[in-house]
C-alpha cells in the first residue's frame, strides 16, 4: 500500500504498488492509484503522522539549509583534492592565486556563521590562514555555520560586511554590507 501525506499531516492511502522482481532486481513497478484498495488488503485508509505537517516557511527554510549543506559538502570534496603545491597556482583573477581564493571562500563561510550568531564579521576579506588539510578545515567552519543558521532561522537580515573582490581584474563592487537571510 502506498500512502501520501495530506495537508492535515496524516498519511492517506494512495494506491497499491506491485513490484515485479527478477534475479537482477526490480523489473517493473505497476501502480494502481485507487485508495479504496486499502480495505481489500485489510490496511487502514489513514495513518496518523508522528508530527504535524511543516508550514511553508519551515519547508522553505529546511530546503534552503539543505541546499547550503549540499553546497558545503561539494566544496569540502573539492578542497580535499587540493594539494599544497597547487595553492600558488594562478586563477583568472591575476592578483589572487588558488590559496587566496580558498582563504577568501573560507572567510565568507566564517562570516556567514558569525553573522548568523549576531557577531561582527572578520575585519579582512581573506584572513583565514590555510591549514594542510583544506577539506577538514573548511568542513569545520561549514558545520559551525550550518549550526548557527539552523539555530537562528532564515528570517531577517544579517551583516556580512561584504567588501567585494579587491583584485583589479574583477572589480566586483562591494555590497551594501547587508544581505537578506532569505
C-alpha atoms as a PDB file:
ATOM      1  CA  UNK A   1       0.000   0.000   0.000  1.00  0.00           C
ATOM      2  CA  UNK A   2       1.275   3.446  -0.818  1.00  0.00           C
ATOM      3  CA  UNK A   3       0.432   6.384   1.431  1.00  0.00           C
ATOM      4  CA  UNK A   4       0.752  10.098   0.764  1.00  0.00           C
ATOM      5  CA  UNK A   5       0.929  12.833   3.410  1.00  0.00           C
ATOM      6  CA  UNK A   6      -2.095  15.124   3.289  1.00  0.00           C
ATOM      7  CA  UNK A   7      -2.325  18.756   4.345  1.00  0.00           C
ATOM      8  CA  UNK A   8      -3.775  17.537   7.661  1.00  0.00           C
ATOM      9  CA  UNK A   9      -0.480  15.766   8.458  1.00  0.00           C
ATOM     10  CA  UNK A  10      -1.949  12.265   8.197  1.00  0.00           C
ATOM     11  CA  UNK A  11      -0.877   9.714   5.615  1.00  0.00           C
ATOM     12  CA  UNK A  12      -3.785   8.826   3.309  1.00  0.00           C
ATOM     13  CA  UNK A  13      -3.965   5.668   1.232  1.00  0.00           C
ATOM     14  CA  UNK A  14      -2.988   6.427  -2.339  1.00  0.00           C
ATOM     15  CA  UNK A  15      -2.992   3.039  -4.011  1.00  0.00           C
ATOM     16  CA  UNK A  16      -1.133  -0.220  -4.369  1.00  0.00           C
ATOM     17  CA  UNK A  17       2.294  -0.625  -5.931  1.00  0.00           C
ATOM     18  CA  UNK A  18       3.115  -4.055  -7.349  1.00  0.00           C
ATOM     19  CA  UNK A  19       6.775  -4.864  -7.910  1.00  0.00           C
ATOM     20  CA  UNK A  20       7.826  -7.472 -10.473  1.00  0.00           C
ATOM     21  CA  UNK A  21      11.076  -8.982  -9.228  1.00  0.00           C
ATOM     22  CA  UNK A  22      13.710 -10.894 -11.155  1.00  0.00           C
ATOM     23  CA  UNK A  23      17.098 -12.230 -10.107  1.00  0.00           C
ATOM     24  CA  UNK A  24      18.591  -8.959 -11.400  1.00  0.00           C
ATOM     25  CA  UNK A  25      16.292  -6.801  -9.236  1.00  0.00           C
ATOM     26  CA  UNK A  26      13.042  -4.924  -9.862  1.00  0.00           C
ATOM     27  CA  UNK A  27      11.952  -5.397 -13.464  1.00  0.00           C
ATOM     28  CA  UNK A  28       8.744  -3.367 -13.329  1.00  0.00           C
ATOM     29  CA  UNK A  29       6.604  -1.332 -10.948  1.00  0.00           C
ATOM     30  CA  UNK A  30       2.871  -1.163 -11.567  1.00  0.00           C
ATOM     31  CA  UNK A  31       0.839   1.306  -9.526  1.00  0.00           C
ATOM     32  CA  UNK A  32      -2.893   1.073  -9.047  1.00  0.00           C
ATOM     33  CA  UNK A  33      -3.882   4.546  -7.860  1.00  0.00           C
ATOM     34  CA  UNK A  34      -7.073   3.574  -6.089  1.00  0.00           C
ATOM     35  CA  UNK A  35      -7.298   4.415  -2.386  1.00  0.00           C
ATOM     36  CA  UNK A  36     -10.214   2.031  -1.822  1.00  0.00           C
ATOM     37  CA  UNK A  37      -7.839  -0.928  -2.336  1.00  0.00           C
ATOM     38  CA  UNK A  38      -6.550  -0.380   1.201  1.00  0.00           C
ATOM     39  CA  UNK A  39      -9.687  -2.024   2.645  1.00  0.00           C
ATOM     40  CA  UNK A  40      -9.313  -5.070   0.338  1.00  0.00           C
ATOM     41  CA  UNK A  41      -5.867  -5.716   1.824  1.00  0.00           C
ATOM     42  CA  UNK A  42      -7.017  -5.025   5.386  1.00  0.00           C
ATOM     43  CA  UNK A  43      -4.971  -1.838   5.644  1.00  0.00           C
ATOM     44  CA  UNK A  44      -6.140   1.406   7.244  1.00  0.00           C
ATOM     45  CA  UNK A  45      -7.178   4.197   4.843  1.00  0.00           C
ATOM     46  CA  UNK A  46      -5.396   6.783   7.018  1.00  0.00           C
ATOM     47  CA  UNK A  47      -2.262   6.572   9.149  1.00  0.00           C
ATOM     48  CA  UNK A  48      -1.637   9.399  11.568  1.00  0.00           C
ATOM     49  CA  UNK A  49       1.691  11.160  11.330  1.00  0.00           C
ATOM     50  CA  UNK A  50       4.022  11.406  14.311  1.00  0.00           C
ATOM     51  CA  UNK A  51       4.304  15.180  13.861  1.00  0.00           C
ATOM     52  CA  UNK A  52       2.114  17.863  12.373  1.00  0.00           C
ATOM     53  CA  UNK A  53       2.897  18.907   8.811  1.00  0.00           C
ATOM     54  CA  UNK A  54       5.538  21.570   8.345  1.00  0.00           C
ATOM     55  CA  UNK A  55       4.495  25.052   7.448  1.00  0.00           C
ATOM     56  CA  UNK A  56       5.539  26.567   4.134  1.00  0.00           C
ATOM     57  CA  UNK A  57       8.133  28.676   5.974  1.00  0.00           C
ATOM     58  CA  UNK A  58       9.578  25.597   7.700  1.00  0.00           C
ATOM     59  CA  UNK A  59       9.773  23.686   4.402  1.00  0.00           C
ATOM     60  CA  UNK A  60      11.415  26.656   2.654  1.00  0.00           C
ATOM     61  CA  UNK A  61      13.950  27.135   5.456  1.00  0.00           C
ATOM     62  CA  UNK A  62      14.749  23.437   5.519  1.00  0.00           C
ATOM     63  CA  UNK A  63      15.107  23.351   1.730  1.00  0.00           C
ATOM     64  CA  UNK A  64      17.496  26.311   1.743  1.00  0.00           C
ATOM     65  CA  UNK A  65      19.546  24.901   4.614  1.00  0.00           C
ATOM     66  CA  UNK A  66      19.655  21.523   2.890  1.00  0.00           C
ATOM     67  CA  UNK A  67      20.916  23.216  -0.298  1.00  0.00           C
ATOM     68  CA  UNK A  68      23.547  25.097   1.714  1.00  0.00           C
ATOM     69  CA  UNK A  69      24.648  21.856   3.375  1.00  0.00           C
ATOM     70  CA  UNK A  70      24.939  20.164  -0.033  1.00  0.00           C
ATOM     71  CA  UNK A  71      26.978  23.087  -1.336  1.00  0.00           C
ATOM     72  CA  UNK A  72      29.296  22.797   1.655  1.00  0.00           C
ATOM     73  CA  UNK A  73      29.562  19.014   1.051  1.00  0.00           C
ATOM     74  CA  UNK A  74      30.614  19.543  -2.570  1.00  0.00           C
ATOM     75  CA  UNK A  75      33.065  22.299  -1.631  1.00  0.00           C
ATOM     76  CA  UNK A  76      34.619  20.047   1.009  1.00  0.00           C
ATOM     77  CA  UNK A  77      35.086  17.298  -1.591  1.00  0.00           C
ATOM     78  CA  UNK A  78      36.817  19.701  -3.972  1.00  0.00           C
ATOM     79  CA  UNK A  79      39.078  21.142  -1.280  1.00  0.00           C
ATOM     80  CA  UNK A  80      40.107  17.659  -0.120  1.00  0.00           C
ATOM     81  CA  UNK A  81      41.741  17.201  -3.527  1.00  0.00           C
ATOM     82  CA  UNK A  82      43.729  20.453  -3.475  1.00  0.00           C
ATOM     83  CA  UNK A  83      47.394  19.842  -2.674  1.00  0.00           C
ATOM     84  CA  UNK A  84      49.759  22.329  -1.024  1.00  0.00           C
ATOM     85  CA  UNK A  85      51.756  22.720  -4.257  1.00  0.00           C
ATOM     86  CA  UNK A  86      48.580  23.943  -6.032  1.00  0.00           C
ATOM     87  CA  UNK A  87      47.955  26.873  -3.662  1.00  0.00           C
ATOM     88  CA  UNK A  88      50.303  29.193  -5.554  1.00  0.00           C
ATOM     89  CA  UNK A  89      48.780  28.476  -8.966  1.00  0.00           C
ATOM     90  CA  UNK A  90      47.188  31.395 -10.820  1.00  0.00           C
ATOM     91  CA  UNK A  91      43.453  31.970 -11.198  1.00  0.00           C
ATOM     92  CA  UNK A  92      41.555  34.040 -13.788  1.00  0.00           C
ATOM     93  CA  UNK A  93      41.885  36.889 -11.284  1.00  0.00           C
ATOM     94  CA  UNK A  94      45.616  37.607 -11.733  1.00  0.00           C
ATOM     95  CA  UNK A  95      46.027  39.132  -8.261  1.00  0.00           C
ATOM     96  CA  UNK A  96      44.591  36.076  -6.476  1.00  0.00           C
ATOM     97  CA  UNK A  97      46.217  32.663  -6.551  1.00  0.00           C
ATOM     98  CA  UNK A  98      44.381  29.444  -5.627  1.00  0.00           C
ATOM     99  CA  UNK A  99      45.326  29.819  -1.956  1.00  0.00           C
ATOM    100  CA  UNK A 100      43.921  33.361  -1.790  1.00  0.00           C
ATOM    101  CA  UNK A 101      40.653  32.257  -3.388  1.00  0.00           C
ATOM    102  CA  UNK A 102      40.325  29.371  -0.887  1.00  0.00           C
ATOM    103  CA  UNK A 103      41.145  31.690   2.028  1.00  0.00           C
ATOM    104  CA  UNK A 104      38.511  34.157   0.798  1.00  0.00           C
ATOM    105  CA  UNK A 105      35.916  31.407   0.285  1.00  0.00           C
ATOM    106  CA  UNK A 106      36.550  30.071   3.784  1.00  0.00           C
ATOM    107  CA  UNK A 107      36.371  33.589   5.231  1.00  0.00           C
ATOM    108  CA  UNK A 108      32.983  34.144   3.592  1.00  0.00           C
ATOM    109  CA  UNK A 109      31.669  30.937   5.201  1.00  0.00           C
ATOM    110  CA  UNK A 110      33.122  32.003   8.571  1.00  0.00           C
ATOM    111  CA  UNK A 111      31.450  35.426   8.241  1.00  0.00           C
ATOM    112  CA  UNK A 112      28.123  33.814   7.339  1.00  0.00           C
ATOM    113  CA  UNK A 113      28.265  31.870  10.591  1.00  0.00           C
ATOM    114  CA  UNK A 114      29.426  34.863  12.623  1.00  0.00           C
ATOM    115  CA  UNK A 115      26.586  36.959  11.221  1.00  0.00           C
ATOM    116  CA  UNK A 116      24.012  34.255  11.978  1.00  0.00           C
ATOM    117  CA  UNK A 117      25.240  34.271  15.599  1.00  0.00           C
ATOM    118  CA  UNK A 118      24.994  38.080  15.721  1.00  0.00           C
ATOM    119  CA  UNK A 119      28.770  38.647  15.762  1.00  0.00           C
ATOM    120  CA  UNK A 120      30.712  41.185  13.724  1.00  0.00           C
ATOM    121  CA  UNK A 121      32.386  39.904  10.547  1.00  0.00           C
ATOM    122  CA  UNK A 122      36.113  39.307  10.300  1.00  0.00           C
ATOM    123  CA  UNK A 123      37.988  42.571   9.621  1.00  0.00           C
ATOM    124  CA  UNK A 124      39.721  41.422   6.424  1.00  0.00           C
ATOM    125  CA  UNK A 125      38.411  39.835   3.225  1.00  0.00           C
ATOM    126  CA  UNK A 126      40.943  36.958   3.361  1.00  0.00           C
ATOM    127  CA  UNK A 127      42.008  36.464   6.992  1.00  0.00           C
ATOM    128  CA  UNK A 128      41.807  32.676   7.267  1.00  0.00           C
ATOM    129  CA  UNK A 129      45.242  31.096   7.388  1.00  0.00           C
ATOM    130  CA  UNK A 130      45.100  27.865   5.427  1.00  0.00           C
ATOM    131  CA  UNK A 131      45.946  24.567   7.055  1.00  0.00           C
ATOM    132  CA  UNK A 132      47.406  21.496   5.345  1.00  0.00           C
ATOM    133  CA  UNK A 133      44.084  19.619   5.244  1.00  0.00           C
ATOM    134  CA  UNK A 134      41.904  22.154   3.457  1.00  0.00           C
ATOM    135  CA  UNK A 135      38.845  19.880   3.326  1.00  0.00           C
ATOM    136  CA  UNK A 136      38.807  19.268   7.067  1.00  0.00           C
ATOM    137  CA  UNK A 137      39.455  22.937   7.797  1.00  0.00           C
ATOM    138  CA  UNK A 138      36.606  24.071   5.541  1.00  0.00           C
ATOM    139  CA  UNK A 139      34.253  21.353   6.855  1.00  0.00           C
ATOM    140  CA  UNK A 140      34.765  22.561  10.438  1.00  0.00           C
ATOM    141  CA  UNK A 141      33.861  26.138   9.516  1.00  0.00           C
ATOM    142  CA  UNK A 142      30.964  24.966   7.340  1.00  0.00           C
ATOM    143  CA  UNK A 143      29.498  22.794  10.122  1.00  0.00           C
ATOM    144  CA  UNK A 144      29.654  25.666  12.640  1.00  0.00           C
ATOM    145  CA  UNK A 145      27.996  27.965  10.101  1.00  0.00           C
ATOM    146  CA  UNK A 146      25.196  25.476   9.403  1.00  0.00           C
ATOM    147  CA  UNK A 147      24.575  25.036  13.127  1.00  0.00           C
ATOM    148  CA  UNK A 148      24.339  28.804  13.542  1.00  0.00           C
ATOM    149  CA  UNK A 149      21.839  29.142  10.692  1.00  0.00           C
ATOM    150  CA  UNK A 150      19.741  26.238  11.936  1.00  0.00           C
ATOM    151  CA  UNK A 151      19.602  27.818  15.382  1.00  0.00           C
ATOM    152  CA  UNK A 152      18.876  31.323  14.054  1.00  0.00           C
ATOM    153  CA  UNK A 153      16.447  30.606  11.236  1.00  0.00           C
ATOM    154  CA  UNK A 154      16.359  32.433   7.930  1.00  0.00           C
ATOM    155  CA  UNK A 155      14.198  35.447   8.701  1.00  0.00           C
ATOM    156  CA  UNK A 156      15.530  38.986   8.585  1.00  0.00           C
ATOM    157  CA  UNK A 157      18.874  40.411   7.534  1.00  0.00           C
ATOM    158  CA  UNK A 158      22.448  39.801   8.581  1.00  0.00           C
ATOM    159  CA  UNK A 159      25.572  41.948   8.317  1.00  0.00           C
ATOM    160  CA  UNK A 160      28.367  40.222   6.384  1.00  0.00           C
ATOM    161  CA  UNK A 161      30.296  43.425   5.613  1.00  0.00           C
ATOM    162  CA  UNK A 162      30.874  42.302   2.023  1.00  0.00           C
ATOM    163  CA  UNK A 163      33.845  44.300   0.752  1.00  0.00           C
ATOM    164  CA  UNK A 164      33.627  42.900  -2.765  1.00  0.00           C
ATOM    165  CA  UNK A 165      36.543  41.496  -4.690  1.00  0.00           C
ATOM    166  CA  UNK A 166      39.603  43.688  -4.259  1.00  0.00           C
ATOM    167  CA  UNK A 167      41.540  42.485  -7.291  1.00  0.00           C
ATOM    168  CA  UNK A 168      41.896  44.757 -10.306  1.00  0.00           C
ATOM    169  CA  UNK A 169      40.741  42.060 -12.739  1.00  0.00           C
ATOM    170  CA  UNK A 170      37.291  41.604 -11.209  1.00  0.00           C
ATOM    171  CA  UNK A 171      36.473  44.996  -9.759  1.00  0.00           C
ATOM    172  CA  UNK A 172      33.459  43.429  -8.090  1.00  0.00           C
ATOM    173  CA  UNK A 173      31.625  46.236  -6.319  1.00  0.00           C
ATOM    174  CA  UNK A 174      31.029  45.932  -2.607  1.00  0.00           C
ATOM    175  CA  UNK A 175      27.505  45.268  -1.479  1.00  0.00           C
ATOM    176  CA  UNK A 176      25.637  47.445   0.954  1.00  0.00           C
ATOM    177  CA  UNK A 177      27.033  45.241   3.702  1.00  0.00           C
ATOM    178  CA  UNK A 178      23.640  43.757   4.488  1.00  0.00           C
ATOM    179  CA  UNK A 179      22.094  40.696   2.961  1.00  0.00           C
ATOM    180  CA  UNK A 180      18.646  39.297   3.419  1.00  0.00           C
ATOM    181  CA  UNK A 181      18.795  35.909   5.051  1.00  0.00           C
ATOM    182  CA  UNK A 182      16.061  34.645   2.813  1.00  0.00           C
END
